């Protein structure tokens, strides 16, 4: 294989020449054009010529040419971030930085500032001499001109010698709540409009952003299509009933405007059957009850029946009064759906690869923030993330998990019993104490799970007498929960019931309206496929990769019972 790089801005059209030139002549022409136009190149084009392998040759042995573009997007903003300046600028180079003063240390003839713009953890140390900078306090926004020099201190390799200072926004140092000291997370929640300036909060936000990008890169590598599922839905996917119902509020002024428009003469003649346009009653805006979504899964199933591999990431809502550190009323969910998936193990392999690759992305690109959190929040963080990436996840069935819990000597508050859901204490013990690693728990009792999960083909095992002379039905479904140390449940997924007759019975046994779910039955009627998917609570993933204890500290604007600020 010969690989020849040429410029993307051709000086002439090559197609006209290809008609009269042999392939060798075209190759020499491409080489010539590389040298003559390199000074104009903004991105590169890679030419690969191969006579065999990877489908690059036809059945007759003819040679094909593949063109791959490698392009760098030029800067679109006038100034560079502090992170880019520190990573790419040579010493003694003039630079300009903009940011907020994180700390100020004033001496007789010199002032030391730590200035940060959020692009990195530490920011840059700026040195002002000649009395300039006196009076600057933490929180002030500034613009500094100067040059980078090698630092004599151990905290940073480069520092900035400032030649010009411009104060963009002053700050009242007497009332500014963030000082150069450690603040409790409870205190930072009280000033959530300012907490993103704190080192821990900013590190979490950068990891949150990098996590979203890491997931997206993984899905792109697996040829998934991103789908934007709606926030307003007409159903409760999970069947838990903990939903927020939508009821629009129409102001008196808006209602008056609607009525005034209705009273205006129309240019066209309305038939007697035409209903005058008026503002709808709040409960009838959509003509039927509508809720804030609890999951985008059913919508993904629709699209997966055409595009095969789809995912979505967006906010979901649960009207849970729970005040635990693991629950929110509004949080973000990452969900994926895969068509032509007929084995639960394949779903587990896929989800494990997704988590490993995304976490590896964080270890490779967010080392500074992870190191900081490992020092100040959770000293086992790096080792746990490394273990997650390098070691396989454990796997067990729900029945095996119950037996393990029953054999343990742990004094659980809730007795583990087959047919009952695993409590948070059970999940944390299984992952953190027993497995000491992430563990997939599969094949839960059918009675614990929603209607759409596929019933396992294996015959139901009858358990012990339940007290009325009847044996306990131990029918299970092809589902999985992923439990991780310190958090418990991180992910939930299943194979979906693709058999029309079984799904119809499920809808009936769950008391769901057959007509309302006719569209769901149609997906099984018109070209059904075995399929499955899962959802990951994004904030719980962020808890895992930051070592934080409370989910309210890893989302910028937490919403929970009796709390909806901003």
Protein backbone atom coordinates (compact mmCIF):
# COMPACT_ATOMS: atom_id res chain seq x y z
CA UNK A 1 0.00 0.00 0.00
CA UNK A 2 1.26 3.45 -0.89
CA UNK A 3 0.10 6.43 1.16
CA UNK A 4 0.55 9.88 -0.35
CA UNK A 5 -0.47 13.11 1.39
CA UNK A 6 -1.61 16.05 -0.76
CA UNK A 7 -3.17 19.44 -0.01
CA UNK A 8 -6.92 19.85 0.15
CA UNK A 9 -6.85 23.02 -1.92
CA UNK A 10 -6.10 21.78 -5.45
CA UNK A 11 -4.60 24.16 -7.96
CA UNK A 12 -6.32 22.36 -10.79
CA UNK A 13 -8.95 19.66 -11.24
CA UNK A 14 -7.39 16.24 -11.24
CA UNK A 15 -10.29 14.37 -12.80
CA UNK A 16 -9.58 15.84 -16.22
CA UNK A 17 -6.02 14.60 -16.07
CA UNK A 18 -6.96 11.11 -14.86
CA UNK A 19 -8.64 10.37 -18.16
CA UNK A 20 -5.37 10.62 -20.04
CA UNK A 21 -2.82 9.66 -17.39
CA UNK A 22 -1.94 6.22 -16.16
CA UNK A 23 -2.18 5.43 -12.45
CA UNK A 24 1.58 5.82 -12.01
CA UNK A 25 1.42 9.22 -13.65
CA UNK A 26 -1.44 10.22 -11.31
CA UNK A 27 0.68 9.14 -8.36
CA UNK A 28 3.63 11.27 -9.51
CA UNK A 29 1.21 14.14 -10.13
CA UNK A 30 -0.13 13.87 -6.58
CA UNK A 31 3.40 13.91 -5.18
CA UNK A 32 4.24 17.01 -7.21
CA UNK A 33 1.09 18.75 -6.02
CA UNK A 34 1.98 17.97 -2.40
CA UNK A 35 5.21 19.96 -2.65
CA UNK A 36 3.85 22.83 -4.70
CA UNK A 37 0.76 23.55 -2.59
CA UNK A 38 1.82 22.66 0.95
CA UNK A 39 2.00 26.32 1.95
CA UNK A 40 -1.75 26.67 1.25
CA UNK A 41 -2.81 23.57 3.17
CA UNK A 42 -5.30 23.92 6.04
CA UNK A 43 -5.98 20.18 6.25
CA UNK A 44 -4.64 17.02 4.67
CA UNK A 45 -6.06 14.43 2.29
CA UNK A 46 -4.74 10.88 2.53
CA UNK A 47 -4.65 8.78 -0.66
CA UNK A 48 -4.54 5.01 -0.11
CA UNK A 49 -3.86 2.74 -3.11
CA UNK A 50 -4.16 -0.98 -2.51
CA UNK A 51 -4.58 -4.01 -4.74
CA UNK A 52 -5.89 -6.34 -2.04
CA UNK A 53 -7.37 -6.51 1.43
CA UNK A 54 -10.14 -4.63 3.27
CA UNK A 55 -12.37 -4.59 0.21
CA UNK A 56 -10.08 -2.19 -1.63
CA UNK A 57 -9.89 -4.39 -4.74
CA UNK A 58 -12.68 -5.78 -6.88
CA UNK A 59 -13.26 -9.43 -7.81
CA UNK A 60 -11.23 -8.91 -10.98
CA UNK A 61 -8.27 -7.54 -9.07
CA UNK A 62 -8.58 -3.94 -10.18
CA UNK A 63 -7.13 -1.31 -7.86
CA UNK A 64 -9.31 1.22 -6.01
CA UNK A 65 -8.42 4.57 -4.48
CA UNK A 66 -9.76 5.72 -1.09
CA UNK A 67 -9.67 9.35 -0.04
CA UNK A 68 -9.69 10.26 3.67
CA UNK A 69 -9.81 13.84 4.87
CA UNK A 70 -7.97 14.89 8.01
CA UNK A 71 -9.01 18.38 8.95
CA UNK A 72 -8.22 20.69 11.82
CA UNK A 73 -10.81 23.30 12.74
CA UNK A 74 -9.15 26.71 13.07
CA UNK A 75 -9.77 28.83 16.19
CA UNK A 76 -13.10 30.66 15.99
CA UNK A 77 -12.56 33.00 18.97
CA UNK A 78 -9.95 35.76 19.25
CA UNK A 79 -8.32 34.62 22.51
CA UNK A 80 -6.92 31.31 23.68
CA UNK A 81 -7.85 29.61 26.95
CA UNK A 82 -5.35 29.44 29.78
CA UNK A 83 -5.13 25.67 29.29
CA UNK A 84 -4.13 26.06 25.64
CA UNK A 85 -1.69 28.88 26.43
CA UNK A 86 0.12 26.83 29.08
CA UNK A 87 0.24 23.70 26.90
CA UNK A 88 1.30 25.23 23.59
CA UNK A 89 3.13 28.50 24.24
CA UNK A 90 6.91 28.67 24.42
CA UNK A 91 8.58 30.71 27.20
CA UNK A 92 9.14 34.44 26.55
CA UNK A 93 6.16 34.55 24.18
CA UNK A 94 3.69 37.46 24.51
CA UNK A 95 0.27 36.24 25.69
CA UNK A 96 -3.08 37.60 26.81
CA UNK A 97 -5.24 35.85 29.40
CA UNK A 98 -8.72 36.54 30.66
CA UNK A 99 -10.23 35.04 33.78
CA UNK A 100 -11.14 35.42 37.42
CA UNK A 101 -8.76 35.96 40.31
CA UNK A 102 -8.87 32.87 42.47
CA UNK A 103 -6.41 34.18 45.03
CA UNK A 104 -4.25 37.28 45.50
CA UNK A 105 -1.06 37.56 47.56
CA UNK A 106 0.26 41.08 48.02
CA UNK A 107 3.85 41.86 48.98
CA UNK A 108 5.62 45.20 49.23
CA UNK A 109 6.68 45.51 45.61
CA UNK A 110 5.00 42.57 43.91
CA UNK A 111 1.59 40.94 43.70
CA UNK A 112 0.99 37.26 42.95
CA UNK A 113 -2.35 36.33 41.39
CA UNK A 114 -3.80 32.93 40.65
CA UNK A 115 -6.03 33.51 37.62
CA UNK A 116 -8.36 30.85 36.26
CA UNK A 117 -10.82 30.78 33.36
CA UNK A 118 -12.27 27.31 34.06
CA UNK A 119 -10.36 25.55 31.28
CA UNK A 120 -8.01 23.84 33.72
CA UNK A 121 -7.68 23.13 37.41
CA UNK A 122 -4.83 25.40 38.48
CA UNK A 123 -4.94 28.25 36.00
CA UNK A 124 -1.84 30.46 35.81
CA UNK A 125 0.24 32.34 38.34
CA UNK A 126 0.53 35.97 37.28
CA UNK A 127 3.18 38.31 38.73
CA UNK A 128 2.62 42.07 38.82
CA UNK A 129 5.40 44.41 39.92
CA UNK A 130 5.72 48.10 40.66
CA UNK A 131 2.73 48.19 42.97
CA UNK A 132 0.29 47.22 40.20
CA UNK A 133 -2.48 44.92 41.32
CA UNK A 134 -2.81 46.35 44.80
CA UNK A 135 -6.34 45.94 46.07
CA UNK A 136 -7.25 43.07 43.79
CA UNK A 137 -9.29 40.40 45.57
CA UNK A 138 -10.57 36.93 44.78
CA UNK A 139 -13.54 36.98 42.43
CA UNK A 140 -12.38 39.93 40.31
CA UNK A 141 -12.45 39.36 36.55
CA UNK A 142 -9.31 40.60 34.77
CA UNK A 143 -7.51 40.76 31.44
CA UNK A 144 -3.73 40.47 31.58
CA UNK A 145 -1.08 41.08 28.92
CA UNK A 146 2.48 39.91 29.34
CA UNK A 147 4.71 36.96 28.60
CA UNK A 148 5.21 33.47 29.93
CA UNK A 149 8.48 32.68 31.69
CA UNK A 150 9.85 29.60 33.38
CA UNK A 151 8.74 29.50 37.00
CA UNK A 152 11.15 29.23 39.89
CA UNK A 153 8.43 27.72 42.07
CA UNK A 154 7.52 24.05 42.30
CA UNK A 155 3.79 24.48 41.81
CA UNK A 156 3.95 25.36 38.10
CA UNK A 157 6.35 25.07 35.18
CA UNK A 158 5.42 28.45 33.68
CA UNK A 159 4.19 31.71 35.13
CA UNK A 160 3.19 35.03 33.63
CA UNK A 161 5.09 38.28 33.93
CA UNK A 162 2.33 40.89 33.57
CA UNK A 163 2.97 44.08 31.63
CA UNK A 164 -0.60 45.36 31.49
CA UNK A 165 -3.62 44.83 33.77
CA UNK A 166 -7.24 45.57 32.97
CA UNK A 167 -9.97 45.01 35.56
CA UNK A 168 -13.10 43.77 33.78
CA UNK A 169 -15.37 43.37 36.79
CA UNK A 170 -14.68 44.33 40.39
CA UNK A 171 -15.62 42.13 43.34
CA UNK A 172 -16.64 43.03 46.88
CA UNK A 173 -14.06 41.12 48.88
CA UNK A 174 -15.95 41.64 52.14
CA UNK A 175 -19.03 39.73 51.00
CA UNK A 176 -17.61 37.37 48.37
CA UNK A 177 -18.32 33.93 49.90
CA UNK A 178 -15.47 31.97 48.26
CA UNK A 179 -12.15 32.37 50.01
CA UNK A 180 -8.80 30.60 49.78
CA UNK A 181 -9.83 27.73 52.03
CA UNK A 182 -11.77 24.51 51.83
CA UNK A 183 -15.55 24.92 51.89
CA UNK A 184 -17.98 22.15 52.78
CA UNK A 185 -20.17 20.75 50.03
CA UNK A 186 -23.23 21.71 52.08
CA UNK A 187 -22.08 25.34 52.09
CA UNK A 188 -21.38 25.27 48.35
CA UNK A 189 -24.93 24.02 47.70
CA UNK A 190 -26.22 27.13 49.46
CA UNK A 191 -24.34 29.34 46.98
CA UNK A 192 -24.86 27.17 43.90
CA UNK A 193 -24.79 30.25 41.66
CA UNK A 194 -21.10 30.68 42.59
CA UNK A 195 -19.95 27.14 43.43
CA UNK A 196 -18.73 26.42 39.89
CA UNK A 197 -15.78 28.71 40.71
CA UNK A 198 -14.65 26.34 43.46
CA UNK A 199 -11.94 23.85 42.43
CA UNK A 200 -13.94 20.72 43.25
CA UNK A 201 -17.08 21.93 41.49
CA UNK A 202 -15.17 23.04 38.38
CA UNK A 203 -13.29 19.71 38.25
CA UNK A 204 -16.62 17.86 38.41
CA UNK A 205 -18.07 19.99 35.61
CA UNK A 206 -15.08 19.31 33.36
CA UNK A 207 -15.33 15.57 34.08
CA UNK A 208 -19.06 15.72 33.40
CA UNK A 209 -18.44 17.32 30.01
CA UNK A 210 -15.66 14.87 29.17
CA UNK A 211 -17.89 11.94 30.18
CA UNK A 212 -20.63 13.03 27.80
CA UNK A 213 -18.05 13.34 25.02
CA UNK A 214 -16.56 9.95 25.92
CA UNK A 215 -19.93 8.24 25.67
CA UNK A 216 -20.61 9.97 22.37
CA UNK A 217 -17.25 8.87 20.95
CA UNK A 218 -17.97 5.28 21.95
CA UNK A 219 -21.40 5.26 20.30
CA UNK A 220 -19.96 6.85 17.19
CA UNK A 221 -17.30 4.13 17.04
CA UNK A 222 -20.08 1.51 17.14
CA UNK A 223 -22.07 3.22 14.34
CA UNK A 224 -24.94 4.43 16.50
CA UNK A 225 -27.27 7.26 15.55
CA UNK A 226 -28.12 9.87 18.19
CA UNK A 227 -31.85 10.51 18.57
CA UNK A 228 -33.52 13.40 20.39
CA UNK A 229 -36.46 11.89 22.23
CA UNK A 230 -39.29 14.14 23.49
CA UNK A 231 -39.58 15.53 27.00
CA UNK A 232 -43.37 15.53 26.83
CA UNK A 233 -44.93 12.06 26.66
CA UNK A 234 -48.35 10.46 26.86
CA UNK A 235 -47.24 7.41 28.84
CA UNK A 236 -45.33 6.33 31.91
CA UNK A 237 -42.62 4.04 30.54
CA UNK A 238 -41.62 2.52 33.86
CA UNK A 239 -45.14 2.07 35.18
CA UNK A 240 -44.23 3.50 38.58
CA UNK A 241 -46.68 6.38 38.42
CA UNK A 242 -44.11 8.88 39.77
CA UNK A 243 -44.63 11.38 36.97
CA UNK A 244 -45.10 15.14 36.64
CA UNK A 245 -48.32 15.96 34.81
CA UNK A 246 -48.28 18.91 32.43
CA UNK A 247 -50.90 21.63 32.87
CA UNK A 248 -50.20 24.89 30.99
CA UNK A 249 -50.98 28.15 32.72
CA UNK A 250 -52.55 30.81 30.52
CA UNK A 251 -52.36 34.34 31.87
CA UNK A 252 -55.40 36.62 31.83
CA UNK A 253 -53.63 38.89 29.35
CA UNK A 254 -52.90 36.05 26.93
CA UNK A 255 -56.47 34.80 27.21
CA UNK A 256 -57.77 38.30 26.47
CA UNK A 257 -55.57 38.48 23.37
CA UNK A 258 -56.89 35.14 22.12
CA UNK A 259 -60.48 36.33 22.60
CA UNK A 260 -59.77 39.64 20.88
CA UNK A 261 -58.35 37.83 17.86
CA UNK A 262 -61.44 35.64 17.70
CA UNK A 263 -63.67 38.73 17.60
CA UNK A 264 -61.83 40.27 14.64
CA UNK A 265 -63.61 39.90 11.25
CA UNK A 266 -62.20 37.18 9.06
CA UNK A 267 -61.37 37.63 5.38
CA UNK A 268 -62.83 34.26 4.54
CA UNK A 269 -66.30 33.03 5.34
CA UNK A 270 -66.39 30.38 8.03
CA UNK A 271 -68.76 27.49 7.68
CA UNK A 272 -71.35 27.10 10.46
CA UNK A 273 -69.49 24.05 11.69
CA UNK A 274 -66.25 25.98 12.30
CA UNK A 275 -65.44 26.22 16.00
CA UNK A 276 -64.18 29.65 17.15
CA UNK A 277 -60.52 29.58 18.23
CA UNK A 278 -60.16 30.10 21.95
CA UNK A 279 -57.45 29.40 24.45
CA UNK A 280 -57.62 25.74 25.48
CA UNK A 281 -58.45 24.76 29.01
CA UNK A 282 -55.22 23.96 30.87
CA UNK A 283 -56.02 20.27 31.33
CA UNK A 284 -56.98 19.83 27.66
CA UNK A 285 -54.05 21.46 25.86
CA UNK A 286 -53.06 18.19 24.15
CA UNK A 287 -56.50 16.62 24.36
CA UNK A 288 -55.28 13.97 26.80
CA UNK A 289 -52.99 13.76 29.86
CA UNK A 290 -49.33 14.52 29.12
CA UNK A 291 -46.33 14.04 31.41
CA UNK A 292 -42.67 14.95 31.69
CA UNK A 293 -40.75 11.94 30.44
CA UNK A 294 -39.32 9.35 32.82
CA UNK A 295 -37.45 7.57 30.01
CA UNK A 296 -36.89 7.80 26.28
CA UNK A 297 -36.78 4.02 25.87
CA UNK A 298 -40.10 3.43 24.10
CA UNK A 299 -39.33 6.23 21.65
CA UNK A 300 -35.90 4.70 21.00
CA UNK A 301 -37.56 1.35 20.25
CA UNK A 302 -39.53 3.07 17.49
CA UNK A 303 -36.40 4.46 15.85
CA UNK A 304 -34.37 1.28 16.43
CA UNK A 305 -36.94 -0.59 14.33
CA UNK A 306 -35.61 1.41 11.37
CA UNK A 307 -32.05 2.53 12.21
CA UNK A 308 -30.93 -0.54 14.23
CA UNK A 309 -28.54 1.22 16.65
CA UNK A 310 -29.67 4.37 18.42
CA UNK A 311 -29.00 6.27 21.62
CA UNK A 312 -30.18 9.39 23.40
CA UNK A 313 -29.06 11.51 26.30
CA UNK A 314 -31.28 14.06 27.95
CA UNK A 315 -33.12 15.06 31.12
CA UNK A 316 -35.77 12.81 32.63
CA UNK A 317 -38.10 13.52 35.53
CA UNK A 318 -39.33 11.49 38.50
CA UNK A 319 -41.84 12.81 41.03
CA UNK A 320 -40.07 11.00 43.85
CA UNK A 321 -40.24 12.57 47.31
CA UNK A 322 -37.03 10.70 48.19
CA UNK A 323 -34.34 12.80 49.90
CA UNK A 324 -31.52 10.27 49.63
CA UNK A 325 -28.11 11.32 48.23
CA UNK A 326 -28.75 9.11 45.16
CA UNK A 327 -32.06 10.57 43.94
CA UNK A 328 -33.13 13.71 42.08
CA UNK A 329 -36.41 14.86 40.59
CA UNK A 330 -34.62 15.93 37.40
CA UNK A 331 -31.55 14.11 36.17
CA UNK A 332 -29.90 13.04 32.92
CA UNK A 333 -30.25 9.61 31.39
CA UNK A 334 -28.10 7.94 28.77
CA UNK A 335 -30.11 5.28 26.92
CA UNK A 336 -29.29 2.93 24.06
CA UNK A 337 -31.38 0.54 21.99
CA UNK A 338 -30.06 -2.17 19.65
CA UNK A 339 -32.05 -4.15 17.08
CA UNK A 340 -31.25 -7.77 16.16
CA UNK A 341 -29.96 -8.45 19.68
CA UNK A 342 -31.14 -11.82 20.96
CA UNK A 343 -28.76 -12.71 23.79
CA UNK A 344 -28.54 -11.03 27.17
CA UNK A 345 -24.80 -11.72 27.33
CA UNK A 346 -24.36 -9.62 24.19
CA UNK A 347 -26.14 -6.73 25.90
CA UNK A 348 -23.84 -7.12 28.93
CA UNK A 349 -20.73 -7.19 26.74
CA UNK A 350 -21.87 -4.03 24.97
CA UNK A 351 -22.62 -2.09 28.16
CA UNK A 352 -19.35 -3.18 29.78
CA UNK A 353 -17.39 -2.01 26.74
CA UNK A 354 -19.22 1.32 26.80
CA UNK A 355 -18.37 2.00 30.45
CA UNK A 356 -14.78 0.84 30.11
CA UNK A 357 -14.06 2.95 27.03
CA UNK A 358 -15.68 6.08 28.46
CA UNK A 359 -13.80 5.72 31.75
CA UNK A 360 -10.55 5.11 29.85
CA UNK A 361 -11.21 8.35 27.96
CA UNK A 362 -11.42 10.20 31.29
CA UNK A 363 -8.21 8.65 32.61
CA UNK A 364 -6.40 9.67 29.44
CA UNK A 365 -7.76 13.21 29.10
CA UNK A 366 -8.73 14.37 32.61
CA UNK A 367 -5.75 13.24 34.66
CA UNK A 368 -5.31 16.57 36.46
CA UNK A 369 -8.91 16.70 37.69
CA UNK A 370 -8.95 13.02 38.68
CA UNK A 371 -5.67 13.46 40.56
CA UNK A 372 -7.15 16.43 42.45
CA UNK A 373 -10.28 14.50 43.41
CA UNK A 374 -8.17 11.49 44.35
CA UNK A 375 -6.24 13.73 46.76
CA UNK A 376 -9.08 15.69 48.32
CA UNK A 377 -12.28 13.65 47.90
CA UNK A 378 -11.60 9.91 47.55
CA UNK A 379 -8.08 8.51 47.86
CA UNK A 380 -9.14 5.23 46.21
CA UNK A 381 -10.60 6.93 43.13
CA UNK A 382 -7.75 6.35 40.66
CA UNK A 383 -7.26 2.73 41.66
CA UNK A 384 -11.00 2.02 41.33
CA UNK A 385 -11.23 3.61 37.90
CA UNK A 386 -8.13 1.76 36.74
CA UNK A 387 -9.60 -1.50 38.03
CA UNK A 388 -12.88 -0.78 36.23
CA UNK A 389 -11.04 -0.32 32.93
CA UNK A 390 -8.66 -3.27 33.24
CA UNK A 391 -10.64 -6.03 34.98
CA UNK A 392 -13.79 -7.82 33.75
CA UNK A 393 -17.09 -7.12 35.50
CA UNK A 394 -18.56 -9.88 37.65
CA UNK A 395 -21.82 -11.57 36.65
CA UNK A 396 -24.49 -13.42 38.63
CA UNK A 397 -28.19 -14.09 38.43
CA UNK A 398 -30.73 -12.55 40.78
CA UNK A 399 -31.31 -16.01 42.31
CA UNK A 400 -27.59 -16.43 42.98
CA UNK A 401 -27.45 -12.92 44.47
CA UNK A 402 -30.30 -13.72 46.88
CA UNK A 403 -28.57 -16.94 47.97
CA UNK A 404 -25.29 -15.06 48.55
CA UNK A 405 -27.06 -12.38 50.58
CA UNK A 406 -28.90 -14.98 52.66
CA UNK A 407 -25.64 -16.80 53.46
CA UNK A 408 -23.85 -13.65 54.52
CA UNK A 409 -23.47 -12.62 58.14
CA UNK A 410 -24.15 -8.97 57.35
CA UNK A 411 -26.95 -7.58 59.60
CA UNK A 412 -29.16 -6.20 56.82
CA UNK A 413 -32.05 -3.97 57.80
CA UNK A 414 -34.18 -5.66 55.12
CA UNK A 415 -34.09 -9.43 54.90
CA UNK A 416 -33.14 -10.60 51.39
CA UNK A 417 -35.91 -12.77 49.98
CA UNK A 418 -36.61 -14.20 46.53
CA UNK A 419 -39.34 -12.25 44.77
CA UNK A 420 -38.52 -8.96 46.48
CA UNK A 421 -36.39 -6.18 45.05
CA UNK A 422 -32.80 -5.73 46.12
CA UNK A 423 -32.49 -2.87 48.58
CA UNK A 424 -29.75 -0.26 48.36
CA UNK A 425 -27.89 -1.93 51.23
CA UNK A 426 -27.97 -5.26 49.35
CA UNK A 427 -26.67 -3.68 46.13
CA UNK A 428 -23.83 -1.84 47.86
CA UNK A 429 -22.79 -4.95 49.82
CA UNK A 430 -22.77 -7.17 46.72
CA UNK A 431 -20.65 -4.75 44.69
CA UNK A 432 -18.49 -3.20 47.41
CA UNK A 433 -17.94 -6.02 49.91
CA UNK A 434 -18.61 -9.33 48.18
CA UNK A 435 -17.39 -8.64 44.62
CA UNK A 436 -15.26 -5.56 45.27
CA UNK A 437 -15.96 -4.69 41.64
CA UNK A 438 -18.84 -3.84 39.31
CA UNK A 439 -21.26 -6.76 39.05
CA UNK A 440 -24.10 -7.53 36.63
CA UNK A 441 -27.16 -9.05 38.28
CA UNK A 442 -29.44 -10.68 35.70
CA UNK A 443 -32.77 -12.49 35.37
CA UNK A 444 -34.98 -10.81 37.96
CA UNK A 445 -38.47 -12.11 38.80
CA UNK A 446 -41.01 -11.08 36.17
CA UNK A 447 -43.26 -9.54 38.84
CA UNK A 448 -40.61 -6.94 39.72
CA UNK A 449 -40.08 -5.58 36.22
CA UNK A 450 -42.05 -3.57 33.61
CA UNK A 451 -44.27 -5.12 30.93
CA UNK A 452 -41.81 -4.70 28.04
CA UNK A 453 -39.07 -7.00 29.37
CA UNK A 454 -38.76 -10.33 27.60
CA UNK A 455 -39.78 -13.41 29.55
CA UNK A 456 -37.04 -16.01 29.65
CA UNK A 457 -37.64 -19.12 27.57
CA UNK A 458 -36.57 -21.47 30.37
CA UNK A 459 -39.49 -23.07 32.24
CA UNK A 460 -40.57 -21.30 35.42
CA UNK A 461 -39.16 -22.85 38.58
CA UNK A 462 -41.66 -23.30 41.35
CA UNK A 463 -40.38 -22.11 44.69
CA UNK A 464 -41.56 -22.75 48.21
CA UNK A 465 -45.16 -22.83 49.31
CA UNK A 466 -46.31 -19.23 49.69
CA UNK A 467 -48.75 -20.03 52.50
CA UNK A 468 -51.93 -20.79 50.61
CA UNK A 469 -50.95 -24.17 49.24
CA UNK A 470 -49.67 -22.72 45.96
CA UNK A 471 -46.11 -22.95 44.80
CA UNK A 472 -44.27 -19.69 44.19
CA UNK A 473 -43.98 -18.79 40.49
CA UNK A 474 -40.34 -18.07 39.69
CA UNK A 475 -40.71 -16.86 36.13
CA UNK A 476 -37.86 -14.50 35.28
CA UNK A 477 -37.18 -11.94 32.56
CA UNK A 478 -34.05 -11.29 30.51
CA UNK A 479 -32.89 -8.15 32.29
CA UNK A 480 -29.85 -6.78 34.06
CA UNK A 481 -28.87 -4.26 36.72
CA UNK A 482 -25.26 -3.14 37.00
CA UNK A 483 -24.17 -2.59 40.61
CA UNK A 484 -20.99 -0.65 41.39
CA UNK A 485 -19.14 -0.16 44.70
CA UNK A 486 -20.26 2.76 46.83
CA UNK A 487 -23.28 3.60 44.70
CA UNK A 488 -25.33 0.49 44.05
CA UNK A 489 -27.39 0.44 40.86
CA UNK A 490 -25.80 2.33 38.00
CA UNK A 491 -27.45 0.83 34.94
CA UNK A 492 -30.62 -1.09 34.14
CA UNK A 493 -31.48 -2.84 30.90
CA UNK A 494 -33.19 -5.81 29.29
CA UNK A 495 -34.10 -7.69 26.20
CA UNK A 496 -37.47 -6.39 24.99
CA UNK A 497 -40.46 -8.64 24.43
CA UNK A 498 -40.68 -8.94 20.64
CA UNK A 499 -43.28 -11.76 20.50
CA UNK A 500 -46.69 -10.19 19.74
CA UNK A 501 -48.78 -12.79 21.56
CA UNK A 502 -46.65 -12.64 24.71
CA UNK A 503 -46.59 -8.83 24.68
CA UNK A 504 -50.37 -8.72 24.33
CA UNK A 505 -50.74 -10.92 27.41
CA UNK A 506 -48.29 -8.71 29.27
CA UNK A 507 -50.25 -5.54 28.52
CA UNK A 508 -53.40 -7.23 29.75
CA UNK A 509 -51.81 -8.57 32.94
CA UNK A 510 -50.38 -5.12 33.74
CA UNK A 511 -53.78 -3.53 33.20
CA UNK A 512 -52.60 -1.30 30.34
CA UNK A 513 -54.91 0.03 27.65
CA UNK A 514 -54.51 -2.08 24.51
CA UNK A 515 -55.58 0.76 22.23
CA UNK A 516 -53.11 3.21 23.79
CA UNK A 517 -50.24 0.79 23.06
CA UNK A 518 -51.43 -0.29 19.63
CA UNK A 519 -48.46 1.53 18.09
CA UNK A 520 -46.17 -0.58 20.30
CA UNK A 521 -47.88 -3.73 19.08
CA UNK A 522 -47.49 -2.53 15.49
CA UNK A 523 -43.72 -2.58 15.92
CA UNK A 524 -44.08 -6.33 16.56
CA UNK A 525 -46.58 -6.72 13.70
CA UNK A 526 -44.54 -5.03 10.97
CA UNK A 527 -41.10 -6.60 10.77
CA UNK A 528 -40.34 -7.29 14.42
CA UNK A 529 -36.80 -8.13 15.54
CA UNK A 530 -35.29 -9.27 18.81
CA UNK A 531 -33.85 -6.17 20.45
CA UNK A 532 -32.68 -4.77 23.76
CA UNK A 533 -31.17 -1.80 25.48
CA UNK A 534 -30.28 -0.09 28.71
CA UNK A 535 -30.23 3.22 30.54
CA UNK A 536 -27.51 4.73 32.71
CA UNK A 537 -28.20 7.42 35.27
CA UNK A 538 -25.62 9.97 34.15
CA UNK A 539 -25.29 11.61 37.58
CA UNK A 540 -24.62 8.23 39.19
CA UNK A 541 -21.87 7.62 36.66
CA UNK A 542 -20.41 11.02 37.59
CA UNK A 543 -20.58 10.00 41.26
CA UNK A 544 -18.53 6.93 40.38
CA UNK A 545 -15.82 8.76 38.42
CA UNK A 546 -15.47 11.65 40.90
CA UNK A 547 -15.72 9.83 44.23
CA UNK A 548 -18.43 12.21 45.43
CA UNK A 549 -21.11 11.02 47.87
CA UNK A 550 -24.13 13.16 47.00
CA UNK A 551 -25.77 13.37 43.60
CA UNK A 552 -26.73 17.00 44.30
CA UNK A 553 -23.05 17.94 44.10
CA UNK A 554 -22.46 16.57 40.59
CA UNK A 555 -25.26 18.35 38.72
CA UNK A 556 -25.10 22.13 38.21
CA UNK A 557 -28.68 22.85 39.27
CA UNK A 558 -30.14 20.08 41.46
CA UNK A 559 -33.92 19.67 41.61
CA UNK A 560 -35.47 17.62 44.39
CA UNK A 561 -38.46 17.71 46.70
CA UNK A 562 -39.10 21.27 47.97
CA UNK A 563 -36.07 22.60 46.10
CA UNK A 564 -36.09 24.19 42.63
CA UNK A 565 -33.77 27.19 42.70
CA UNK A 566 -33.19 29.48 39.69
